[in-house]
């Protein structure tokens, strides 16, 4: 069995908010598998562990470009929060979003090859990216983008530079903007229950099964408990079934709000900076010590 290090325990604790000893026990039980350890904590501690598991650590910017029925959302990553506020980096991100909307590139490689000049660098977006890396001294990469065009009206919302949403809709502009803000706040996984990714459902069913099995109840009751947990999960992560964040009664769902305002949401895209990216954790004290030692050796 691999050794369970303090850094592994610290990483799991940062992801789950679970007590340190529980993290160590879970990692031991999971033979050091971080993903499996998270699942074990979900079973033992309930949703508390899962709520913090989505926290992201990678840095960067989500930028949007929307005009009429054409729009785009793009995520561009960098190494530190400091660079994510750099004016040249922000201008690069804004330009990339505009190029996606205007030129409809097939993928990141096609986007990178489009003509663009900035800060004396060019003639392509990729040349500007490389130039800014040299100028700023930090790596940066275009991670992903999503483009909408001609399928309906668009509403978008940016929460600072770290969360971005585009909603494709028909109906009320006000309601669509409210939905975009709701998506940024509640982070649904899909528009409806039927569109929730199967791997997410399977994982939740597995966790619910293990949790229900610990109850010691008969198999038929356990089966009902599992199905109930899965159905509850589907409602919580599907946009239309979520309780609308601005519901006056605290009960109205997004679907009900949209129906009341004669509005239909066709699709949405949510980007959260660094979502799913593992960020390298450096030992700052060791790094400083190494730099001092290197300086003395010169």
Protein backbone atom coordinates (compact mmCIF):
# COMPACT_ATOMS: atom_id res chain seq x y z
CA UNK A 1 0.00 0.00 0.00
CA UNK A 2 1.39 3.45 -0.88
CA UNK A 3 2.42 5.74 1.95
CA UNK A 4 -0.21 8.31 2.93
CA UNK A 5 1.70 11.58 3.09
CA UNK A 6 0.78 14.78 4.92
CA UNK A 7 0.46 16.57 1.58
CA UNK A 8 -2.11 14.00 0.40
CA UNK A 9 -4.13 14.47 3.59
CA UNK A 10 -3.92 18.26 3.21
CA UNK A 11 -5.07 18.06 -0.42
CA UNK A 12 -8.08 15.90 0.46
CA UNK A 13 -8.98 18.17 3.37
CA UNK A 14 -8.83 21.23 1.09
CA UNK A 15 -11.17 19.51 -1.36
CA UNK A 16 -13.71 18.22 1.16
CA UNK A 17 -13.55 20.28 4.36
CA UNK A 18 -13.53 16.95 6.21
CA UNK A 19 -11.59 16.53 9.50
CA UNK A 20 -7.92 15.70 9.01
CA UNK A 21 -8.11 12.28 10.69
CA UNK A 22 -11.14 11.34 8.57
CA UNK A 23 -9.16 12.32 5.48
CA UNK A 24 -6.26 10.13 6.53
CA UNK A 25 -8.58 7.19 7.25
CA UNK A 26 -10.30 7.60 3.88
CA UNK A 27 -7.00 7.73 2.00
CA UNK A 28 -5.79 4.64 3.85
CA UNK A 29 -8.99 2.78 3.00
CA UNK A 30 -8.69 3.90 -0.62
CA UNK A 31 -5.02 2.86 -0.88
CA UNK A 32 -4.07 6.43 -1.67
CA UNK A 33 -6.62 6.88 -4.50
CA UNK A 34 -7.77 10.52 -4.10
CA UNK A 35 -11.00 10.09 -6.08
CA UNK A 36 -12.02 6.99 -4.17
CA UNK A 37 -11.17 8.71 -0.87
CA UNK A 38 -13.56 11.54 -1.75
CA UNK A 39 -16.31 8.99 -2.39
CA UNK A 40 -15.64 7.30 0.97
CA UNK A 41 -15.96 10.67 2.74
CA UNK A 42 -19.22 11.36 0.90
CA UNK A 43 -20.59 8.07 2.24
CA UNK A 44 -19.39 8.71 5.79
CA UNK A 45 -20.03 12.45 6.06
CA UNK A 46 -22.86 13.05 3.61
CA UNK A 47 -22.94 16.00 1.21
CA UNK A 48 -20.66 18.17 3.33
CA UNK A 49 -17.66 16.58 1.68
CA UNK A 50 -19.14 16.85 -1.81
CA UNK A 51 -19.96 20.55 -1.61
CA UNK A 52 -16.35 21.55 -1.18
CA UNK A 53 -15.02 18.97 -3.61
CA UNK A 54 -15.86 21.23 -6.56
CA UNK A 55 -13.53 24.01 -5.41
CA UNK A 56 -10.99 24.89 -8.04
CA UNK A 57 -7.42 26.06 -7.66
CA UNK A 58 -6.13 26.85 -11.18
CA UNK A 59 -6.05 30.51 -12.18
CA UNK A 60 -7.16 32.40 -15.27
CA UNK A 61 -10.09 34.21 -16.85
CA UNK A 62 -13.47 33.44 -18.39
CA UNK A 63 -14.31 36.00 -21.09
CA UNK A 64 -17.43 36.47 -23.22
CA UNK A 65 -18.30 38.12 -26.51
CA UNK A 66 -22.00 38.40 -27.37
CA UNK A 67 -23.70 40.32 -30.18
CA UNK A 68 -27.30 39.51 -31.08
CA UNK A 69 -27.71 35.79 -31.62
CA UNK A 70 -23.96 35.17 -31.91
CA UNK A 71 -21.77 34.77 -28.88
CA UNK A 72 -18.89 32.91 -27.33
CA UNK A 73 -17.46 31.98 -23.96
CA UNK A 74 -13.77 31.18 -23.54
CA UNK A 75 -11.54 30.09 -20.66
CA UNK A 76 -7.86 30.96 -20.70
CA UNK A 77 -5.61 29.78 -17.87
CA UNK A 78 -2.47 31.18 -16.28
CA UNK A 79 -0.37 30.21 -13.29
CA UNK A 80 -1.22 32.88 -10.72
CA UNK A 81 -4.07 35.13 -9.70
CA UNK A 82 -1.71 38.10 -10.11
CA UNK A 83 -1.38 37.50 -13.86
CA UNK A 84 -5.14 36.96 -14.23
CA UNK A 85 -5.48 40.69 -13.43
CA UNK A 86 -2.78 41.80 -15.87
CA UNK A 87 -4.13 44.24 -18.50
CA UNK A 88 -2.33 42.56 -21.39
CA UNK A 89 -3.58 39.12 -20.35
CA UNK A 90 -7.15 40.44 -20.00
CA UNK A 91 -6.97 42.07 -23.44
CA UNK A 92 -5.76 38.76 -24.90
CA UNK A 93 -8.68 36.88 -23.31
CA UNK A 94 -11.23 39.42 -24.55
CA UNK A 95 -9.80 39.22 -28.07
CA UNK A 96 -9.89 35.43 -28.04
CA UNK A 97 -13.60 35.46 -27.14
CA UNK A 98 -14.33 37.93 -29.95
CA UNK A 99 -12.42 35.80 -32.46
CA UNK A 100 -14.39 32.70 -31.49
CA UNK A 101 -17.67 34.56 -31.97
CA UNK A 102 -16.65 36.17 -35.27
CA UNK A 103 -14.60 33.46 -36.98
CA UNK A 104 -16.14 30.19 -35.71
CA UNK A 105 -12.89 28.21 -35.31
CA UNK A 106 -13.23 24.44 -35.14
CA UNK A 107 -11.01 23.98 -32.10
CA UNK A 108 -8.32 25.63 -29.97
CA UNK A 109 -5.66 24.98 -32.63
CA UNK A 110 -7.77 26.71 -35.28
CA UNK A 111 -8.47 29.62 -32.93
CA UNK A 112 -4.76 29.98 -32.16
CA UNK A 113 -3.91 30.28 -35.85
CA UNK A 114 -6.29 33.19 -36.48
CA UNK A 115 -4.79 36.62 -37.31
CA UNK A 116 -4.29 38.86 -34.27
CA UNK A 117 -1.68 41.34 -33.05
CA UNK A 118 -1.18 42.86 -29.61
CA UNK A 119 1.64 44.47 -27.62
CA UNK A 120 3.95 44.24 -30.61
CA UNK A 121 3.37 40.49 -31.02
CA UNK A 122 1.69 38.67 -33.91
CA UNK A 123 0.61 37.95 -36.59
CA UNK A 124 -1.52 35.18 -35.02
CA UNK A 125 -3.21 34.67 -31.67
CA UNK A 126 -0.69 31.93 -30.92
CA UNK A 127 2.21 34.30 -31.60
CA UNK A 128 0.68 36.82 -29.20
CA UNK A 129 0.25 34.10 -26.56
CA UNK A 130 3.91 33.11 -26.84
CA UNK A 131 4.97 36.74 -26.81
CA UNK A 132 3.00 37.47 -23.65
CA UNK A 133 4.50 34.41 -21.97
CA UNK A 134 7.93 35.88 -22.57
CA UNK A 135 6.87 39.38 -21.55
CA UNK A 136 4.97 38.45 -18.39
CA UNK A 137 7.12 35.47 -17.46
CA UNK A 138 4.31 33.04 -16.82
CA UNK A 139 2.75 30.23 -18.84
CA UNK A 140 -0.79 30.67 -20.19
CA UNK A 141 -3.01 28.47 -22.32
CA UNK A 142 -6.37 28.57 -24.09
CA UNK A 143 -8.32 25.78 -22.45
CA UNK A 144 -11.79 25.70 -24.02
CA UNK A 145 -14.54 27.69 -25.70
CA UNK A 146 -18.20 27.44 -26.66
CA UNK A 147 -19.88 29.33 -29.51
CA UNK A 148 -23.55 30.00 -30.18
CA UNK A 149 -24.87 31.36 -33.48
CA UNK A 150 -28.32 31.70 -35.02
CA UNK A 151 -30.17 29.30 -32.78
CA UNK A 152 -31.97 31.90 -30.66
CA UNK A 153 -31.47 34.91 -28.44
CA UNK A 154 -28.51 34.99 -26.06
CA UNK A 155 -28.06 36.26 -22.52
CA UNK A 156 -24.78 36.17 -20.66
CA UNK A 157 -23.42 36.90 -17.20
CA UNK A 158 -19.87 37.22 -15.93
CA UNK A 159 -19.23 36.99 -12.20
CA UNK A 160 -15.96 38.89 -12.11
CA UNK A 161 -13.55 37.04 -14.38
CA UNK A 162 -13.80 33.60 -12.78
CA UNK A 163 -17.33 32.48 -13.69
CA UNK A 164 -19.07 32.95 -17.04
CA UNK A 165 -22.47 31.87 -18.38
CA UNK A 166 -24.22 32.04 -21.74
CA UNK A 167 -27.90 31.13 -22.05
CA UNK A 168 -29.64 30.46 -25.36
CA UNK A 169 -33.36 31.25 -25.08
CA UNK A 170 -36.63 32.52 -26.53
CA UNK A 171 -38.83 34.95 -24.64
CA UNK A 172 -38.08 37.47 -21.90
CA UNK A 173 -34.64 39.10 -21.85
CA UNK A 174 -35.03 39.80 -18.13
CA UNK A 175 -35.89 36.18 -17.30
CA UNK A 176 -32.98 34.89 -19.37
CA UNK A 177 -30.55 37.22 -17.60
CA UNK A 178 -31.94 36.00 -14.27
CA UNK A 179 -31.35 32.41 -15.40
CA UNK A 180 -27.75 33.23 -16.36
CA UNK A 181 -27.16 34.65 -12.89
CA UNK A 182 -28.89 31.63 -11.33
CA UNK A 183 -26.60 29.26 -13.26
CA UNK A 184 -23.53 31.14 -12.04
CA UNK A 185 -24.74 30.84 -8.44
CA UNK A 186 -26.14 27.29 -8.40
CA UNK A 187 -23.93 25.64 -11.04
CA UNK A 188 -26.35 23.08 -12.51
CA UNK A 189 -24.80 20.17 -14.38
CA UNK A 190 -27.44 20.03 -17.12
CA UNK A 191 -30.60 21.68 -18.41
CA UNK A 192 -32.91 18.80 -17.46
CA UNK A 193 -32.71 15.55 -15.50
CA UNK A 194 -32.45 13.47 -18.69
CA UNK A 195 -29.36 15.43 -19.76
CA UNK A 196 -27.33 14.89 -16.57
CA UNK A 197 -24.16 12.99 -17.63
CA UNK A 198 -24.48 9.27 -17.00
CA UNK A 199 -21.12 9.08 -15.23
CA UNK A 200 -22.35 11.61 -12.65
CA UNK A 201 -25.54 9.60 -12.10
CA UNK A 202 -23.60 6.34 -11.81
CA UNK A 203 -21.22 7.84 -9.25
CA UNK A 204 -24.10 9.21 -7.18
CA UNK A 205 -25.92 5.87 -7.33
CA UNK A 206 -22.79 4.08 -6.14
CA UNK A 207 -22.40 6.46 -3.21
CA UNK A 208 -26.11 6.23 -2.35
CA UNK A 209 -25.96 2.42 -2.48
CA UNK A 210 -23.00 2.24 -0.10
CA UNK A 211 -24.60 4.73 2.26
CA UNK A 212 -27.98 2.95 2.25
CA UNK A 213 -26.33 -0.43 2.82
CA UNK A 214 -24.95 0.84 6.12
CA UNK A 215 -28.51 1.33 7.41
CA UNK A 216 -28.95 -2.41 7.85
CA UNK A 217 -32.50 -2.26 6.45
CA UNK A 218 -34.07 -4.91 4.16
CA UNK A 219 -32.97 -4.99 0.50
CA UNK A 220 -36.28 -3.64 -0.81
CA UNK A 221 -36.10 -0.64 1.53
CA UNK A 222 -32.47 -0.06 0.62
CA UNK A 223 -33.40 -0.05 -3.07
CA UNK A 224 -36.05 2.60 -2.44
CA UNK A 225 -33.59 4.66 -0.41
CA UNK A 226 -31.08 4.55 -3.24
CA UNK A 227 -33.61 5.55 -5.87
CA UNK A 228 -34.85 8.36 -3.67
CA UNK A 229 -31.33 9.68 -3.23
CA UNK A 230 -30.65 9.54 -6.96
CA UNK A 231 -33.89 11.36 -7.82
CA UNK A 232 -33.10 14.04 -5.24
CA UNK A 233 -29.64 14.44 -6.76
CA UNK A 234 -31.06 14.79 -10.29
CA UNK A 235 -33.38 17.57 -9.17
CA UNK A 236 -30.55 19.38 -7.42
CA UNK A 237 -28.22 19.40 -10.46
CA UNK A 238 -30.69 19.99 -13.31
CA UNK A 239 -31.39 23.66 -14.05
CA UNK A 240 -35.12 23.41 -14.69
CA UNK A 241 -35.74 21.54 -11.44
CA UNK A 242 -33.66 23.78 -9.20
CA UNK A 243 -35.41 26.28 -6.93
CA UNK A 244 -35.01 29.69 -8.58
CA UNK A 245 -32.57 31.81 -6.57
CA UNK A 246 -34.90 34.81 -6.69
CA UNK A 247 -38.09 32.86 -5.88
CA UNK A 248 -40.20 35.01 -3.54
CA UNK A 249 -41.72 31.94 -1.90
CA UNK A 250 -38.48 29.98 -1.78
CA UNK A 251 -40.15 27.14 -3.69
CA UNK A 252 -40.68 28.24 -7.30
CA UNK A 253 -38.47 26.27 -9.69
CA UNK A 254 -36.63 27.73 -12.65
CA UNK A 255 -39.01 25.84 -14.93
CA UNK A 256 -42.02 27.40 -13.22
CA UNK A 257 -40.52 30.89 -13.42
CA UNK A 258 -39.81 30.47 -17.12
CA UNK A 259 -43.33 29.24 -17.81
CA UNK A 260 -44.80 32.22 -15.95
CA UNK A 261 -42.80 34.61 -18.16
CA UNK A 262 -43.36 32.69 -21.43
CA UNK A 263 -39.65 32.01 -21.75
CA UNK A 264 -37.88 28.86 -22.91
CA UNK A 265 -34.21 28.04 -22.30
CA UNK A 266 -32.74 25.94 -25.09
CA UNK A 267 -29.21 25.52 -23.73
CA UNK A 268 -26.60 27.02 -21.47
CA UNK A 269 -22.85 26.92 -20.94
CA UNK A 270 -21.16 27.48 -17.60
CA UNK A 271 -17.40 27.92 -17.24
CA UNK A 272 -15.68 28.16 -13.86
CA UNK A 273 -11.99 29.03 -14.00
CA UNK A 274 -9.80 26.00 -13.40
CA UNK A 275 -12.72 23.59 -12.95
CA UNK A 276 -11.32 20.08 -12.89
CA UNK A 277 -7.71 21.19 -13.09
CA UNK A 278 -5.32 20.02 -10.40
CA UNK A 279 -3.00 22.85 -9.38
CA UNK A 280 0.54 22.09 -8.30
CA UNK A 281 1.06 22.72 -4.59
CA UNK A 282 4.51 24.08 -3.88
CA UNK A 283 6.36 23.92 -0.59
CA UNK A 284 7.08 27.65 -0.30
CA UNK A 285 9.52 27.28 2.61
CA UNK A 286 11.51 24.63 0.77
CA UNK A 287 11.53 26.78 -2.38
CA UNK A 288 12.91 29.79 -0.48
CA UNK A 289 15.51 27.62 1.23
CA UNK A 290 16.61 26.24 -2.13
CA UNK A 291 16.91 29.72 -3.60
CA UNK A 292 19.00 30.92 -0.61
CA UNK A 293 21.27 27.89 -0.90
CA UNK A 294 21.69 28.49 -4.61
CA UNK A 295 22.54 32.15 -3.99
CA UNK A 296 25.22 31.23 -1.43
CA UNK A 297 26.74 28.80 -3.85
CA UNK A 298 27.26 31.44 -6.52
